[in-house]
Every structure is written in C-alpha cells, then in structure tokens.
Amino acid sequence: MSKSALLTDQALDLVARRFAVLAEPMRLRLLQALFAGERNVSDLVTATEGTQANISRHLQTLTAAHVLSRRKEGLQVFYKISDPTIPKLCELMCGSLEKQLAKQASHFGRS
C-alpha cells in the first residue's frame, strides 16, 4: 500500500481480512515454525505444542487465505509459506515491537 494511493473499500476489506487471519497467536506460531521451510503436520503439532485438531483447523484457515500452500506425499501433508511477504511482515512487526518495548523499558531505568 503506497502512501499516495488510496485503496477502495473493497481493497481495504481484503487487507483487513488478511490481518484478521494473522491475528491469532497459534497461527503466528505455525508461521514461525514454517520460517525454516516446509514441515509436515506432525512436526507442526510438536513444534507448536498444539493438538492435531486445533493445528489442522488453523492450517486450513491459513491455506484458504493463500498464506500457506500444501502438498500431499503418501499419507502425510506438508505445508509451507506461499506468500513471500509474510516473513517480511513478521520481521517488520517484531522489530517495531522490540523498539517500542525497549523504549518503554528505558522509562523505568531498564534497557
């Protein structure tokens, strides 16, 4: 979204829906687990310490939103991040929060 271009209401709705998909801690844990590359469902359950049913539901949501892609190999399903902007977005947000928290901590004499 460039500073000079105003988005239509329809485009803003799409942006809001994308952020809503990402506004869930378990989905962010799944994305973090996938930053290193493709993983199967069992690995993701172990990495996130979630239940199989809960992880599957979140993976389905992320796939439907085109954040993840999946492939099947035998009985296993593998997921990977399909939108290359997602790791960049996470890095940007985490860096911003880190600076904000450091600034807040400095107000209490801690850094």
Protein backbone atom coordinates (compact mmCIF):
# COMPACT_ATOMS: atom_id res chain seq x y z
CA MET A 1 0.00 0.00 0.00
CA SER A 2 1.72 3.16 -1.15
CA LYS A 3 1.27 6.43 0.69
CA SER A 4 -0.04 8.19 -2.40
CA ALA A 5 -2.64 5.62 -3.48
CA LEU A 6 -5.92 5.42 -1.61
CA LEU A 7 -7.45 1.98 -1.57
CA THR A 8 -11.03 1.26 -2.43
CA ASP A 9 -13.37 -0.02 0.24
CA GLN A 10 -13.17 -3.46 -1.36
CA ALA A 11 -9.36 -3.43 -1.23
CA LEU A 12 -9.39 -2.26 2.40
CA ASP A 13 -11.73 -5.14 3.22
CA LEU A 14 -9.24 -7.59 1.69
CA VAL A 15 -6.38 -6.09 3.72
CA ALA A 16 -8.44 -6.26 6.91
CA ARG A 17 -9.28 -9.92 6.27
CA ARG A 18 -5.60 -10.75 5.78
CA PHE A 19 -4.69 -9.10 9.08
CA ALA A 20 -7.60 -10.91 10.78
CA VAL A 21 -6.19 -14.25 9.59
CA LEU A 22 -2.83 -13.32 11.14
CA ALA A 23 -4.35 -12.02 14.39
CA GLU A 24 -4.28 -15.40 16.12
CA PRO A 25 -1.31 -16.49 18.27
CA MET A 26 -1.40 -20.15 17.20
CA ARG A 27 -1.36 -19.17 13.53
CA LEU A 28 1.67 -16.98 14.22
CA ARG A 29 3.34 -19.94 15.98
CA LEU A 30 2.68 -22.06 12.91
CA LEU A 31 4.15 -19.42 10.63
CA GLN A 32 7.20 -19.12 12.87
CA ALA A 33 7.64 -22.90 12.72
CA LEU A 34 7.49 -22.70 8.91
CA PHE A 35 10.06 -19.90 8.52
CA ALA A 36 12.82 -22.51 8.14
CA GLY A 37 10.89 -24.32 5.40
CA GLU A 38 8.31 -26.95 4.68
CA ARG A 39 7.08 -29.20 7.50
CA ASN A 40 4.52 -31.92 7.89
CA VAL A 41 1.53 -31.73 10.20
CA SER A 42 3.09 -33.98 12.87
CA ASP A 43 6.18 -31.75 13.03
CA LEU A 44 3.96 -28.67 13.36
CA VAL A 45 1.94 -30.25 16.18
CA THR A 46 5.19 -30.98 18.03
CA ALA A 47 6.72 -27.56 17.32
CA THR A 48 3.66 -25.61 18.47
CA GLU A 49 2.55 -27.97 21.25
CA GLY A 50 -1.00 -27.78 19.92
CA THR A 51 -3.50 -30.55 19.37
CA GLN A 52 -3.80 -32.23 15.98
CA ALA A 53 -7.39 -30.97 15.55
CA ASN A 54 -6.54 -27.38 16.50
CA ILE A 55 -3.44 -27.27 14.30
CA SER A 56 -5.35 -28.73 11.34
CA ARG A 57 -8.07 -26.09 11.70
CA HIS A 58 -5.53 -23.25 11.73
CA LEU A 59 -3.60 -24.74 8.80
CA GLN A 60 -6.85 -24.90 6.84
CA THR A 61 -7.55 -21.21 7.58
CA LEU A 62 -4.04 -20.15 6.56
CA THR A 63 -4.23 -22.22 3.38
CA ALA A 64 -7.67 -20.84 2.45
CA ALA A 65 -6.22 -17.32 2.87
CA HIS A 66 -3.34 -18.23 0.48
CA VAL A 67 -0.78 -17.66 3.23
CA LEU A 68 0.27 -21.33 3.12
CA SER A 69 0.35 -23.97 0.44
CA ARG A 70 0.16 -27.69 0.98
CA ARG A 71 1.21 -30.83 -0.76
CA LYS A 72 0.42 -34.43 -0.04
CA GLU A 73 3.03 -37.19 -0.07
CA GLY A 74 1.54 -40.56 0.71
CA LEU A 75 -0.39 -40.18 3.94
CA GLN A 76 1.48 -37.07 5.03
CA VAL A 77 0.57 -33.47 4.28
CA PHE A 78 3.33 -30.86 4.10
CA TYR A 79 2.85 -27.12 4.48
CA LYS A 80 4.99 -24.16 3.53
CA ILE A 81 4.60 -20.40 3.45
CA SER A 82 3.36 -19.48 -0.01
CA ASP A 83 3.25 -15.70 0.41
CA PRO A 84 6.83 -14.37 0.50
CA THR A 85 5.69 -11.14 2.15
CA ILE A 86 4.66 -12.95 5.35
CA PRO A 87 8.19 -13.41 6.81
CA LYS A 88 8.99 -9.80 5.88
CA LEU A 89 5.80 -8.59 7.57
CA CYS A 90 6.59 -10.59 10.71
CA GLU A 91 10.15 -9.26 10.80
CA LEU A 92 8.92 -5.69 10.39
CA MET A 93 6.31 -6.06 13.13
CA CYS A 94 8.66 -7.82 15.56
CA GLY A 95 11.35 -5.17 15.00
CA SER A 96 8.85 -2.40 15.63
CA LEU A 97 7.60 -4.05 18.84
CA GLU A 98 11.14 -4.67 20.03
CA LYS A 99 11.97 -0.96 19.66
CA GLN A 100 8.74 0.06 21.37
CA LEU A 101 9.33 -2.28 24.32
CA ALA A 102 12.94 -1.13 24.66
CA LYS A 103 11.75 2.47 24.76
CA GLN A 104 9.14 1.64 27.40
CA ALA A 105 11.71 -0.23 29.47
CA SER A 106 14.03 2.77 29.35
CA HIS A 107 11.33 4.83 31.07
CA PHE A 108 11.75 2.50 34.06
CA GLY A 109 15.54 2.78 34.07
CA ARG A 110 15.97 -0.56 32.30
CA SER A 111 17.35 -1.13 28.83
